[in-house]
N, C-alpha and C. Protein backbone atom coordinates (compact mmCIF):
# COMPACT_ATOMS: atom_id res chain seq x y z
N MET A 1 64.02 43.99 -43.09
CA MET A 1 63.92 45.42 -43.41
C MET A 1 62.64 45.62 -44.20
N ILE A 2 61.87 46.62 -43.80
CA ILE A 2 60.64 46.99 -44.49
C ILE A 2 60.83 48.38 -45.07
N TYR A 3 60.46 48.56 -46.32
CA TYR A 3 60.50 49.85 -46.98
C TYR A 3 59.09 50.20 -47.42
N GLN A 4 58.74 51.48 -47.36
CA GLN A 4 57.44 51.89 -47.88
C GLN A 4 57.56 53.27 -48.50
N ILE A 5 56.90 53.43 -49.63
CA ILE A 5 56.76 54.75 -50.24
C ILE A 5 55.31 54.86 -50.70
N GLN A 6 54.67 55.97 -50.35
CA GLN A 6 53.29 56.22 -50.74
C GLN A 6 53.20 57.66 -51.20
N VAL A 7 52.67 57.86 -52.40
CA VAL A 7 52.54 59.21 -52.96
C VAL A 7 51.08 59.49 -53.25
N ASP A 8 50.73 60.77 -53.32
CA ASP A 8 49.39 61.21 -53.62
C ASP A 8 49.46 62.08 -54.86
N GLY A 9 48.82 61.64 -55.93
CA GLY A 9 48.82 62.39 -57.18
C GLY A 9 47.54 63.18 -57.35
N ASP A 10 47.65 64.43 -57.76
CA ASP A 10 46.51 65.31 -57.95
C ASP A 10 46.37 65.56 -59.44
N THR A 11 45.30 65.04 -60.05
CA THR A 11 45.14 65.20 -61.49
C THR A 11 44.16 66.31 -61.87
N ASP A 12 43.47 66.87 -60.88
CA ASP A 12 42.49 67.90 -61.23
C ASP A 12 42.93 69.33 -60.93
N ARG A 13 44.10 69.51 -60.32
CA ARG A 13 44.57 70.86 -60.01
C ARG A 13 46.06 71.00 -60.30
N GLY A 14 46.47 70.79 -61.49
CA GLY A 14 47.86 71.03 -61.85
C GLY A 14 48.74 69.80 -61.87
N GLY A 15 48.23 68.64 -61.52
CA GLY A 15 49.00 67.41 -61.61
C GLY A 15 50.15 67.31 -60.63
N SER A 16 50.04 67.86 -59.44
CA SER A 16 51.13 67.78 -58.46
C SER A 16 51.18 66.39 -57.83
N VAL A 17 52.34 66.02 -57.36
CA VAL A 17 52.54 64.76 -56.65
C VAL A 17 53.19 65.07 -55.31
N THR A 18 52.60 64.54 -54.23
CA THR A 18 53.09 64.76 -52.87
C THR A 18 53.47 63.43 -52.25
N THR A 19 54.61 63.41 -51.58
CA THR A 19 55.02 62.21 -50.87
C THR A 19 54.28 62.14 -49.54
N LEU A 20 53.56 61.03 -49.30
CA LEU A 20 52.89 60.83 -48.02
C LEU A 20 53.81 60.09 -47.06
N ASP A 21 54.26 58.91 -47.45
CA ASP A 21 55.17 58.11 -46.63
C ASP A 21 56.37 57.70 -47.45
N ALA A 22 57.53 57.74 -46.84
CA ALA A 22 58.77 57.24 -47.45
C ALA A 22 59.71 56.90 -46.30
N TYR A 23 59.75 55.62 -45.92
CA TYR A 23 60.55 55.25 -44.76
C TYR A 23 61.08 53.83 -44.88
N ALA A 24 62.03 53.53 -44.00
CA ALA A 24 62.57 52.18 -43.86
C ALA A 24 62.51 51.82 -42.37
N ARG A 25 62.18 50.57 -42.09
CA ARG A 25 62.12 50.09 -40.71
C ARG A 25 62.89 48.78 -40.62
N TYR A 26 63.74 48.68 -39.62
CA TYR A 26 64.59 47.51 -39.44
C TYR A 26 64.27 46.85 -38.09
N GLU A 27 64.01 45.56 -38.13
CA GLU A 27 63.68 44.80 -36.92
C GLU A 27 64.98 44.26 -36.33
N ILE A 28 65.34 44.70 -35.12
CA ILE A 28 66.58 44.28 -34.49
C ILE A 28 66.39 43.01 -33.67
N PHE A 29 65.42 43.02 -32.76
CA PHE A 29 65.13 41.86 -31.91
C PHE A 29 63.69 41.44 -32.12
N GLU A 30 63.45 40.59 -33.11
CA GLU A 30 62.12 40.10 -33.43
C GLU A 30 61.11 41.23 -33.30
N ASP A 31 60.10 41.11 -32.46
CA ASP A 31 59.11 42.19 -32.32
C ASP A 31 59.47 43.16 -31.21
N ILE A 32 60.52 42.89 -30.45
CA ILE A 32 60.85 43.67 -29.26
C ILE A 32 61.42 45.05 -29.59
N LEU A 33 62.25 45.16 -30.62
CA LEU A 33 62.88 46.43 -30.95
C LEU A 33 62.98 46.59 -32.46
N LYS A 34 62.33 47.65 -32.95
CA LYS A 34 62.38 47.99 -34.37
C LYS A 34 62.82 49.45 -34.47
N LEU A 35 63.68 49.75 -35.42
CA LEU A 35 64.15 51.11 -35.67
C LEU A 35 63.63 51.56 -37.02
N GLY A 36 63.19 52.80 -37.12
CA GLY A 36 62.71 53.32 -38.39
C GLY A 36 63.17 54.74 -38.61
N ALA A 37 63.21 55.14 -39.88
CA ALA A 37 63.57 56.52 -40.24
C ALA A 37 62.92 56.87 -41.56
N GLY A 38 62.56 58.14 -41.70
CA GLY A 38 61.95 58.63 -42.93
C GLY A 38 60.78 59.53 -42.63
N GLN A 39 59.81 59.56 -43.55
CA GLN A 39 58.58 60.34 -43.37
C GLN A 39 57.43 59.37 -43.19
N TRP A 40 56.67 59.53 -42.11
CA TRP A 40 55.60 58.59 -41.76
C TRP A 40 54.66 59.23 -40.76
N LYS A 41 53.55 58.51 -40.47
CA LYS A 41 52.64 58.91 -39.40
C LYS A 41 53.16 58.30 -38.11
N ALA A 42 53.51 59.14 -37.18
CA ALA A 42 54.04 58.64 -35.91
C ALA A 42 52.95 57.94 -35.11
N HIS A 43 53.33 56.98 -34.30
CA HIS A 43 52.38 56.32 -33.39
C HIS A 43 51.99 57.34 -32.32
N PHE A 44 50.79 57.85 -32.41
CA PHE A 44 50.28 58.78 -31.41
C PHE A 44 48.82 58.48 -31.14
N LEU A 45 47.98 58.55 -32.18
CA LEU A 45 46.57 58.20 -32.06
C LEU A 45 46.31 56.94 -32.89
N ARG A 46 45.71 55.96 -32.30
CA ARG A 46 45.45 54.69 -32.99
C ARG A 46 44.56 54.90 -34.21
N GLN A 47 43.54 55.76 -34.11
CA GLN A 47 42.64 55.97 -35.23
C GLN A 47 43.36 56.63 -36.40
N GLU A 48 44.24 57.56 -36.14
CA GLU A 48 44.98 58.24 -37.21
C GLU A 48 45.93 57.28 -37.91
N LYS A 49 46.52 56.37 -37.18
CA LYS A 49 47.48 55.42 -37.75
C LYS A 49 46.78 54.34 -38.58
N THR A 50 45.49 54.07 -38.27
CA THR A 50 44.73 53.08 -39.02
C THR A 50 44.31 53.67 -40.37
N SER A 51 44.51 52.92 -41.44
CA SER A 51 44.14 53.38 -42.77
C SER A 51 42.64 53.65 -42.83
N SER A 52 42.24 54.67 -43.56
CA SER A 52 40.82 55.01 -43.66
C SER A 52 40.01 53.86 -44.27
N GLY A 53 40.62 53.03 -45.08
CA GLY A 53 39.94 51.88 -45.65
C GLY A 53 39.68 50.77 -44.65
N ARG A 54 40.30 50.86 -43.47
CA ARG A 54 40.12 49.85 -42.44
C ARG A 54 39.31 50.37 -41.24
N LEU A 55 38.76 51.57 -41.35
CA LEU A 55 37.91 52.11 -40.29
C LEU A 55 36.47 51.64 -40.49
N GLN A 56 35.73 51.53 -39.40
CA GLN A 56 34.35 51.08 -39.48
C GLN A 56 33.36 52.23 -39.66
N MET A 57 33.77 53.43 -39.39
CA MET A 57 32.87 54.58 -39.53
C MET A 57 33.29 55.37 -40.78
N VAL A 58 32.41 56.28 -41.22
CA VAL A 58 32.67 57.03 -42.44
C VAL A 58 33.81 58.02 -42.26
N ASP A 59 33.83 58.71 -41.12
CA ASP A 59 34.84 59.74 -40.87
C ASP A 59 35.63 59.42 -39.61
N ARG A 60 36.78 60.05 -39.50
CA ARG A 60 37.53 59.98 -38.24
C ARG A 60 36.83 60.88 -37.22
N SER A 61 37.05 60.61 -35.95
CA SER A 61 36.40 61.41 -34.91
C SER A 61 36.97 62.83 -34.89
N LEU A 62 36.19 63.76 -34.35
CA LEU A 62 36.67 65.14 -34.21
C LEU A 62 37.87 65.22 -33.29
N ALA A 63 37.92 64.37 -32.27
CA ALA A 63 39.07 64.36 -31.36
C ALA A 63 40.34 63.98 -32.12
N THR A 64 40.23 63.04 -33.03
CA THR A 64 41.40 62.65 -33.83
C THR A 64 41.87 63.81 -34.69
N GLU A 65 40.95 64.52 -35.30
CA GLU A 65 41.35 65.66 -36.13
C GLU A 65 41.99 66.77 -35.30
N TYR A 66 41.52 66.98 -34.08
CA TYR A 66 42.08 68.04 -33.23
C TYR A 66 43.45 67.66 -32.68
N PHE A 67 43.61 66.44 -32.19
CA PHE A 67 44.86 66.03 -31.55
C PHE A 67 45.86 65.39 -32.50
N ASN A 68 45.54 65.28 -33.75
CA ASN A 68 46.40 64.64 -34.73
C ASN A 68 47.74 65.38 -34.89
N VAL A 69 48.84 64.63 -34.88
CA VAL A 69 50.15 65.24 -35.13
C VAL A 69 50.59 65.02 -36.57
N ASP A 70 49.85 64.19 -37.31
CA ASP A 70 50.04 63.94 -38.74
C ASP A 70 51.43 63.37 -39.04
N ARG A 71 51.84 63.51 -40.27
CA ARG A 71 53.12 62.95 -40.69
C ARG A 71 54.27 63.88 -40.33
N GLY A 72 55.43 63.29 -40.16
CA GLY A 72 56.64 64.05 -39.89
C GLY A 72 57.83 63.32 -40.46
N VAL A 73 58.97 63.98 -40.45
CA VAL A 73 60.22 63.39 -40.91
C VAL A 73 61.11 63.20 -39.69
N GLY A 74 61.66 62.02 -39.52
CA GLY A 74 62.51 61.76 -38.37
C GLY A 74 62.82 60.29 -38.20
N ALA A 75 62.95 59.88 -36.94
CA ALA A 75 63.30 58.50 -36.62
C ALA A 75 62.48 58.04 -35.42
N TRP A 76 62.35 56.71 -35.27
CA TRP A 76 61.59 56.18 -34.16
C TRP A 76 62.06 54.78 -33.79
N ILE A 77 61.69 54.39 -32.56
CA ILE A 77 61.84 53.02 -32.12
C ILE A 77 60.46 52.55 -31.66
N GLU A 78 60.20 51.27 -31.84
CA GLU A 78 58.93 50.71 -31.42
C GLU A 78 59.11 49.23 -31.15
N GLY A 79 58.15 48.64 -30.46
CA GLY A 79 58.22 47.21 -30.22
C GLY A 79 57.09 46.72 -29.34
N ASP A 80 57.04 45.42 -29.22
CA ASP A 80 56.06 44.74 -28.36
C ASP A 80 56.82 44.01 -27.27
N LEU A 81 56.33 44.14 -26.05
CA LEU A 81 56.93 43.46 -24.91
C LEU A 81 55.90 42.53 -24.27
N ILE A 82 56.37 41.61 -23.48
CA ILE A 82 55.54 40.67 -22.71
C ILE A 82 54.59 39.93 -23.66
N GLY A 83 55.14 39.37 -24.71
CA GLY A 83 54.35 38.58 -25.64
C GLY A 83 53.28 39.36 -26.37
N GLY A 84 53.51 40.63 -26.64
CA GLY A 84 52.54 41.46 -27.35
C GLY A 84 51.53 42.15 -26.46
N LEU A 85 51.64 41.99 -25.16
CA LEU A 85 50.70 42.65 -24.26
C LEU A 85 50.98 44.14 -24.12
N LEU A 86 52.22 44.55 -24.33
CA LEU A 86 52.61 45.96 -24.17
C LEU A 86 53.28 46.44 -25.45
N PHE A 87 52.73 47.49 -26.05
CA PHE A 87 53.31 48.12 -27.24
C PHE A 87 53.89 49.47 -26.84
N TYR A 88 55.07 49.81 -27.36
CA TYR A 88 55.67 51.11 -27.07
C TYR A 88 56.23 51.71 -28.36
N ALA A 89 56.30 53.04 -28.40
CA ALA A 89 56.92 53.75 -29.51
C ALA A 89 57.42 55.10 -29.01
N VAL A 90 58.60 55.49 -29.46
CA VAL A 90 59.18 56.80 -29.16
C VAL A 90 59.70 57.36 -30.48
N SER A 91 59.32 58.61 -30.80
CA SER A 91 59.68 59.23 -32.07
C SER A 91 60.28 60.60 -31.86
N VAL A 92 61.18 60.97 -32.75
CA VAL A 92 61.71 62.33 -32.84
C VAL A 92 61.49 62.77 -34.28
N THR A 93 60.72 63.86 -34.47
CA THR A 93 60.39 64.31 -35.83
C THR A 93 60.70 65.80 -35.99
N ASN A 94 60.45 66.29 -37.20
CA ASN A 94 60.69 67.71 -37.47
C ASN A 94 59.52 68.59 -37.07
N GLY A 95 58.56 68.06 -36.33
CA GLY A 95 57.45 68.86 -35.83
C GLY A 95 56.10 68.31 -36.23
N PHE A 96 55.06 68.84 -35.62
CA PHE A 96 53.70 68.41 -35.93
C PHE A 96 53.30 68.94 -37.30
N ARG A 97 52.66 68.10 -38.08
CA ARG A 97 52.17 68.46 -39.42
C ARG A 97 53.25 69.15 -40.24
N SER A 98 54.45 68.56 -40.25
CA SER A 98 55.59 69.21 -40.91
C SER A 98 56.13 68.44 -42.10
N SER A 99 55.43 67.41 -42.56
CA SER A 99 55.94 66.67 -43.71
C SER A 99 55.89 67.54 -44.96
N ASN A 100 56.82 67.29 -45.87
CA ASN A 100 56.92 67.98 -47.15
C ASN A 100 57.13 69.48 -47.02
N ARG A 101 57.71 69.94 -45.93
CA ARG A 101 57.98 71.36 -45.75
C ARG A 101 59.45 71.71 -46.01
N GLY A 102 60.32 70.71 -45.98
CA GLY A 102 61.73 70.96 -46.24
C GLY A 102 62.33 71.98 -45.30
N ALA A 103 63.13 72.89 -45.84
CA ALA A 103 63.82 73.89 -45.02
C ALA A 103 62.85 74.91 -44.42
N ALA A 104 61.62 74.98 -44.94
CA ALA A 104 60.65 75.94 -44.41
C ALA A 104 60.15 75.55 -43.02
N SER A 105 60.36 74.31 -42.63
CA SER A 105 59.90 73.85 -41.33
C SER A 105 60.81 74.38 -40.23
N ASP A 106 60.26 74.46 -39.02
CA ASP A 106 61.11 74.90 -37.91
C ASP A 106 62.20 73.86 -37.66
N GLN A 107 63.24 74.26 -37.01
CA GLN A 107 64.40 73.40 -36.80
C GLN A 107 64.45 72.79 -35.40
N ARG A 108 63.37 72.87 -34.65
CA ARG A 108 63.31 72.27 -33.31
C ARG A 108 62.52 70.96 -33.41
N PRO A 109 63.07 69.89 -32.90
CA PRO A 109 62.39 68.59 -33.04
C PRO A 109 61.17 68.46 -32.12
N ALA A 110 60.24 67.64 -32.57
CA ALA A 110 59.11 67.23 -31.74
C ALA A 110 59.44 65.84 -31.20
N VAL A 111 58.98 65.55 -30.00
CA VAL A 111 59.20 64.24 -29.39
C VAL A 111 57.84 63.66 -29.04
N LEU A 112 57.61 62.40 -29.43
CA LEU A 112 56.35 61.72 -29.19
C LEU A 112 56.63 60.39 -28.53
N ALA A 113 55.74 59.96 -27.63
CA ALA A 113 55.88 58.66 -26.98
C ALA A 113 54.49 58.05 -26.81
N LYS A 114 54.41 56.73 -26.88
CA LYS A 114 53.14 56.02 -26.76
C LYS A 114 53.37 54.68 -26.08
N ILE A 115 52.44 54.32 -25.20
CA ILE A 115 52.44 53.00 -24.56
C ILE A 115 51.00 52.50 -24.60
N ASP A 116 50.81 51.28 -25.09
CA ASP A 116 49.50 50.64 -25.13
C ASP A 116 49.57 49.32 -24.39
N LEU A 117 48.55 49.05 -23.59
CA LEU A 117 48.43 47.77 -22.89
C LEU A 117 47.28 46.99 -23.52
N ASN A 118 47.60 45.87 -24.14
CA ASN A 118 46.61 44.98 -24.75
C ASN A 118 46.13 44.02 -23.66
N ILE A 119 45.11 44.42 -22.93
CA ILE A 119 44.68 43.73 -21.72
C ILE A 119 44.27 42.28 -21.98
N LEU A 120 43.60 42.02 -23.08
CA LEU A 120 43.10 40.67 -23.36
C LEU A 120 43.95 39.90 -24.37
N GLY A 121 45.21 40.30 -24.54
CA GLY A 121 46.11 39.58 -25.45
C GLY A 121 46.56 40.47 -26.59
N ASP A 122 47.44 39.93 -27.42
CA ASP A 122 48.02 40.66 -28.54
C ASP A 122 46.94 41.01 -29.55
N TYR A 123 46.64 42.28 -29.68
CA TYR A 123 45.58 42.77 -30.55
C TYR A 123 46.12 43.26 -31.89
N GLY A 124 47.37 43.67 -31.93
CA GLY A 124 47.91 44.31 -33.12
C GLY A 124 47.67 45.81 -33.02
N TYR A 125 48.11 46.56 -34.04
CA TYR A 125 47.97 48.01 -33.97
C TYR A 125 46.96 48.49 -35.00
N SER A 126 45.70 48.33 -34.70
CA SER A 126 44.62 48.82 -35.54
C SER A 126 43.47 49.21 -34.63
N GLU A 127 42.71 50.22 -35.03
CA GLU A 127 41.58 50.61 -34.21
C GLU A 127 40.39 49.70 -34.44
N SER A 128 40.21 49.25 -35.66
CA SER A 128 39.02 48.50 -36.03
C SER A 128 39.23 47.00 -35.99
N ASP A 129 38.14 46.29 -35.93
CA ASP A 129 38.13 44.83 -36.04
C ASP A 129 37.20 44.47 -37.19
N ILE A 130 37.58 44.85 -38.41
CA ILE A 130 36.71 44.59 -39.54
C ILE A 130 36.69 43.12 -39.93
N ALA A 131 37.62 42.33 -39.38
CA ALA A 131 37.60 40.89 -39.61
C ALA A 131 36.59 40.21 -38.69
N THR A 132 36.01 40.96 -37.78
CA THR A 132 35.04 40.48 -36.78
C THR A 132 35.53 39.23 -36.07
N SER A 133 36.63 39.38 -35.35
CA SER A 133 37.18 38.25 -34.60
C SER A 133 36.22 37.85 -33.48
N GLU A 134 36.28 36.59 -33.12
CA GLU A 134 35.37 36.08 -32.09
C GLU A 134 35.84 36.43 -30.68
N ASP A 135 37.13 36.69 -30.51
CA ASP A 135 37.68 37.03 -29.20
C ASP A 135 37.58 38.53 -28.96
N PRO A 136 37.17 38.93 -27.76
CA PRO A 136 37.10 40.36 -27.47
C PRO A 136 38.51 40.96 -27.35
N ASN A 137 38.60 42.22 -27.68
CA ASN A 137 39.87 42.94 -27.59
C ASN A 137 39.66 44.19 -26.76
N TRP A 138 40.64 44.50 -25.94
CA TRP A 138 40.55 45.69 -25.12
C TRP A 138 41.95 46.26 -24.98
N VAL A 139 42.12 47.49 -25.44
CA VAL A 139 43.42 48.16 -25.41
C VAL A 139 43.28 49.47 -24.67
N VAL A 140 44.18 49.72 -23.74
CA VAL A 140 44.24 50.99 -23.01
C VAL A 140 45.63 51.56 -23.26
N GLY A 141 45.68 52.84 -23.62
CA GLY A 141 46.98 53.42 -23.93
C GLY A 141 47.06 54.87 -23.54
N ILE A 142 48.28 55.37 -23.61
CA ILE A 142 48.53 56.79 -23.33
C ILE A 142 49.61 57.26 -24.31
N SER A 143 49.43 58.48 -24.78
CA SER A 143 50.39 59.10 -25.70
C SER A 143 50.76 60.47 -25.16
N GLY A 144 51.95 60.89 -25.45
CA GLY A 144 52.40 62.22 -25.07
C GLY A 144 53.28 62.79 -26.16
N ALA A 145 53.26 64.11 -26.30
CA ALA A 145 54.07 64.75 -27.34
C ALA A 145 54.42 66.17 -26.92
N THR A 146 55.50 66.66 -27.45
CA THR A 146 55.88 68.06 -27.24
C THR A 146 56.49 68.60 -28.53
N ASP A 147 56.16 69.82 -28.85
CA ASP A 147 56.68 70.49 -30.04
C ASP A 147 56.73 71.98 -29.75
N ARG A 148 57.66 72.67 -30.39
CA ARG A 148 57.83 74.10 -30.16
C ARG A 148 58.29 74.76 -31.44
N ASN A 149 57.81 75.95 -31.69
CA ASN A 149 58.25 76.75 -32.82
C ASN A 149 58.28 78.20 -32.34
N GLU A 150 59.38 78.85 -32.57
CA GLU A 150 59.51 80.25 -32.13
C GLU A 150 59.72 81.17 -33.33
N GLY A 151 58.86 81.00 -34.33
CA GLY A 151 58.91 81.92 -35.47
C GLY A 151 59.97 81.58 -36.50
N ASP A 152 60.60 80.39 -36.43
CA ASP A 152 61.63 80.08 -37.40
C ASP A 152 61.13 79.14 -38.50
N GLY A 153 59.81 79.05 -38.66
CA GLY A 153 59.22 78.25 -39.72
C GLY A 153 58.11 79.02 -40.39
N THR A 154 57.47 78.39 -41.36
CA THR A 154 56.40 79.06 -42.09
C THR A 154 55.06 78.41 -41.80
N ILE A 155 54.89 77.83 -40.63
CA ILE A 155 53.65 77.20 -40.25
C ILE A 155 52.63 78.29 -39.93
N VAL A 156 51.34 78.00 -40.10
CA VAL A 156 50.28 78.99 -39.94
C VAL A 156 50.41 79.74 -38.61
N ALA A 157 50.66 79.03 -37.50
CA ALA A 157 50.86 79.67 -36.20
C ALA A 157 52.37 79.69 -35.94
N PRO A 158 53.06 80.78 -36.25
CA PRO A 158 54.52 80.78 -36.20
C PRO A 158 55.13 80.65 -34.81
N ASP A 159 54.44 81.05 -33.75
CA ASP A 159 54.98 80.95 -32.41
C ASP A 159 54.05 80.09 -31.57
N TYR A 160 54.52 78.90 -31.18
CA TYR A 160 53.69 78.05 -30.35
C TYR A 160 54.56 77.07 -29.56
N ARG A 161 53.99 76.55 -28.52
CA ARG A 161 54.60 75.48 -27.73
C ARG A 161 53.46 74.56 -27.33
N VAL A 162 53.58 73.28 -27.63
CA VAL A 162 52.53 72.30 -27.37
C VAL A 162 53.10 71.16 -26.54
N HIS A 163 52.39 70.77 -25.49
CA HIS A 163 52.73 69.61 -24.68
C HIS A 163 51.50 68.74 -24.59
């Protein structure tokens, strides 16, 4: 069982504290099936899931900022198949960019799915290779997500449907 809690403290504007991550993940079948629940960054974009301290460039790409689903509250399953060559994740959350919203968030769940093929072997789940490994790595993946809000939340765009 893995537990994580990460908070962000603001000392220059009122001293507020925001929860970034608070989740538990349980490994059922070695790396094949893991279950998790809580608030976290869902597996959707590899660059977004990689910590900013482990990126090789100064900023995240504009595509990551546009397509980012950010943190959410919910549950997920994930795992590696075929000796780490295939990674999968399926998540159900309270919506895109909906962490720390509580009852103000819409009540329709978002569903996210991701499959990555590690063509040259088990690469792990990071965008960067800051350890400068000698073996080349090549990962091809696809992600999909759907979310809907019909005015029952306080998000900036109250009526939307995203696929």
